[in-house]
């Protein structure tokens, strides 16, 4: 009996899925569309919230162009350029905040839509309907 194949997802794929999740898309529908377990989507989201895009690493060795770009970025700078690291952390923090704000906006948008749908339209006269008195 052969082993089942394990799918490996790139960081870009995971990041796109998480952003769609944070934008308010239905997780079950997203899971079916991407053919990914819902559990994995939630794990990716939690990792993104905890560590930003850098936390969504793929399994195994990164592609050669990624390694080369990292070497070029850090070459000739002491300790990998502290300013660059600080800037990346700040960007990740801001991306997390934007994601959370988008979730909040979507929540309030849906709540407002439900309130608007629950309101009954009046019959146009502007007056309240009269009812029969309960006294006899």
Protein backbone atom coordinates (compact mmCIF):
# COMPACT_ATOMS: atom_id res chain seq x y z
CA UNK A 1 0.00 0.00 0.00
CA UNK A 2 1.44 3.38 -0.99
CA UNK A 3 1.64 6.41 1.26
CA UNK A 4 -0.85 9.20 0.64
CA UNK A 5 0.72 12.24 -0.98
CA UNK A 6 1.10 15.22 1.29
CA UNK A 7 0.44 18.55 -0.37
CA UNK A 8 2.93 21.30 0.38
CA UNK A 9 1.67 24.86 0.09
CA UNK A 10 3.80 27.90 -0.61
CA UNK A 11 3.86 30.92 1.69
CA UNK A 12 2.14 32.99 -1.01
CA UNK A 13 -0.71 30.45 -1.26
CA UNK A 14 -1.16 30.41 2.53
CA UNK A 15 -1.01 34.19 2.75
CA UNK A 16 -3.64 34.58 0.01
CA UNK A 17 -5.92 32.09 1.78
CA UNK A 18 -5.50 33.83 5.14
CA UNK A 19 -6.20 37.25 3.66
CA UNK A 20 -9.38 35.93 2.05
CA UNK A 21 -10.36 34.44 5.41
CA UNK A 22 -9.71 37.71 7.23
CA UNK A 23 -11.70 39.56 4.58
CA UNK A 24 -14.73 37.62 5.76
CA UNK A 25 -15.11 34.84 3.21
CA UNK A 26 -16.91 31.71 4.33
CA UNK A 27 -14.23 29.34 5.63
CA UNK A 28 -16.05 26.17 4.57
CA UNK A 29 -16.51 27.45 1.02
CA UNK A 30 -12.89 28.62 0.90
CA UNK A 31 -11.75 25.23 2.14
CA UNK A 32 -13.69 23.43 -0.59
CA UNK A 33 -12.50 25.83 -3.29
CA UNK A 34 -8.82 25.55 -2.35
CA UNK A 35 -9.09 21.85 -1.43
CA UNK A 36 -7.53 22.50 1.96
CA UNK A 37 -8.72 21.28 5.33
CA UNK A 38 -10.56 23.92 7.37
CA UNK A 39 -8.31 23.04 10.28
CA UNK A 40 -5.26 24.02 8.21
CA UNK A 41 -6.84 27.37 7.30
CA UNK A 42 -7.39 28.14 10.98
CA UNK A 43 -3.83 27.08 11.84
CA UNK A 44 -2.47 29.36 9.10
CA UNK A 45 -4.65 32.24 10.35
CA UNK A 46 -3.45 31.80 13.92
CA UNK A 47 0.19 31.67 12.80
CA UNK A 48 -0.34 34.81 10.70
CA UNK A 49 -1.87 36.66 13.64
CA UNK A 50 0.96 35.56 15.91
CA UNK A 51 3.91 36.23 13.61
CA UNK A 52 2.75 37.88 10.40
CA UNK A 53 3.59 36.63 6.90
CA UNK A 54 6.97 35.35 8.06
CA UNK A 55 5.22 32.75 10.23
CA UNK A 56 3.58 31.19 7.16
CA UNK A 57 6.61 29.33 5.98
CA UNK A 58 6.42 26.33 3.72
CA UNK A 59 7.83 22.97 4.67
CA UNK A 60 11.33 22.04 3.65
CA UNK A 61 14.04 24.09 2.06
CA UNK A 62 13.04 27.40 0.46
CA UNK A 63 13.60 27.86 -3.30
CA UNK A 64 17.09 28.93 -4.41
CA UNK A 65 16.00 32.43 -5.47
CA UNK A 66 14.71 33.07 -1.95
CA UNK A 67 18.02 31.99 -0.44
CA UNK A 68 19.96 34.16 -2.90
CA UNK A 69 17.78 37.21 -2.18
CA UNK A 70 18.29 36.76 1.57
CA UNK A 71 22.05 36.51 1.16
CA UNK A 72 22.15 39.66 -1.00
CA UNK A 73 19.98 41.59 1.50
CA UNK A 74 22.14 40.77 4.48
CA UNK A 75 25.56 40.86 2.80
CA UNK A 76 27.86 43.55 4.16
CA UNK A 77 25.57 44.62 6.96
CA UNK A 78 26.24 43.88 10.60
CA UNK A 79 23.71 41.57 12.24
CA UNK A 80 21.47 41.54 9.15
CA UNK A 81 20.70 45.25 9.37
CA UNK A 82 18.71 45.93 12.51
CA UNK A 83 16.72 48.68 10.81
CA UNK A 84 15.52 46.28 8.13
CA UNK A 85 14.47 43.74 10.75
CA UNK A 86 12.66 46.43 12.72
CA UNK A 87 10.89 47.63 9.58
CA UNK A 88 9.81 44.08 8.70
CA UNK A 89 8.42 43.52 12.18
CA UNK A 90 6.53 46.80 11.98
CA UNK A 91 5.10 45.86 8.57
CA UNK A 92 3.96 42.50 9.92
CA UNK A 93 2.34 44.21 12.91
CA UNK A 94 0.51 46.69 10.65
CA UNK A 95 -0.65 43.89 8.34
CA UNK A 96 -2.10 42.08 11.35
CA UNK A 97 -3.90 45.26 12.42
CA UNK A 98 -5.30 45.77 8.93
CA UNK A 99 -6.53 42.19 8.88
CA UNK A 100 -8.24 42.60 12.24
CA UNK A 101 -9.80 45.90 11.17
CA UNK A 102 -11.12 44.23 8.02
CA UNK A 103 -12.70 41.50 10.14
CA UNK A 104 -14.33 44.18 12.33
CA UNK A 105 -15.60 46.11 9.31
CA UNK A 106 -17.10 42.95 7.79
CA UNK A 107 -18.77 42.07 11.09
CA UNK A 108 -20.39 45.49 11.44
CA UNK A 109 -21.37 45.54 7.77
CA UNK A 110 -23.21 42.21 8.19
CA UNK A 111 -24.82 43.40 11.43
CA UNK A 112 -26.03 46.59 9.75
CA UNK A 113 -27.42 44.58 6.84
CA UNK A 114 -29.34 42.34 9.27
CA UNK A 115 -30.77 45.34 11.10
CA UNK A 116 -31.81 46.94 7.82
CA UNK A 117 -33.46 43.70 6.65
CA UNK A 118 -35.28 43.29 9.98
CA UNK A 119 -36.92 46.71 9.74
CA UNK A 120 -40.38 46.47 8.32
CA UNK A 121 -41.30 48.88 5.60
CA UNK A 122 -44.24 51.12 6.48
CA UNK A 123 -47.31 51.29 4.29
CA UNK A 124 -46.42 54.83 3.28
CA UNK A 125 -49.00 56.90 5.19
CA UNK A 126 -46.66 57.77 8.02
CA UNK A 127 -49.34 57.19 10.63
CA UNK A 128 -49.44 54.25 12.96
CA UNK A 129 -52.14 51.70 12.36
CA UNK A 130 -55.13 52.03 14.65
CA UNK A 131 -56.17 49.11 16.79
CA UNK A 132 -59.47 48.34 18.41
CA UNK A 133 -59.77 49.28 22.04
CA UNK A 134 -59.64 46.44 24.52
CA UNK A 135 -62.30 48.10 26.71
CA UNK A 136 -65.87 46.99 26.07
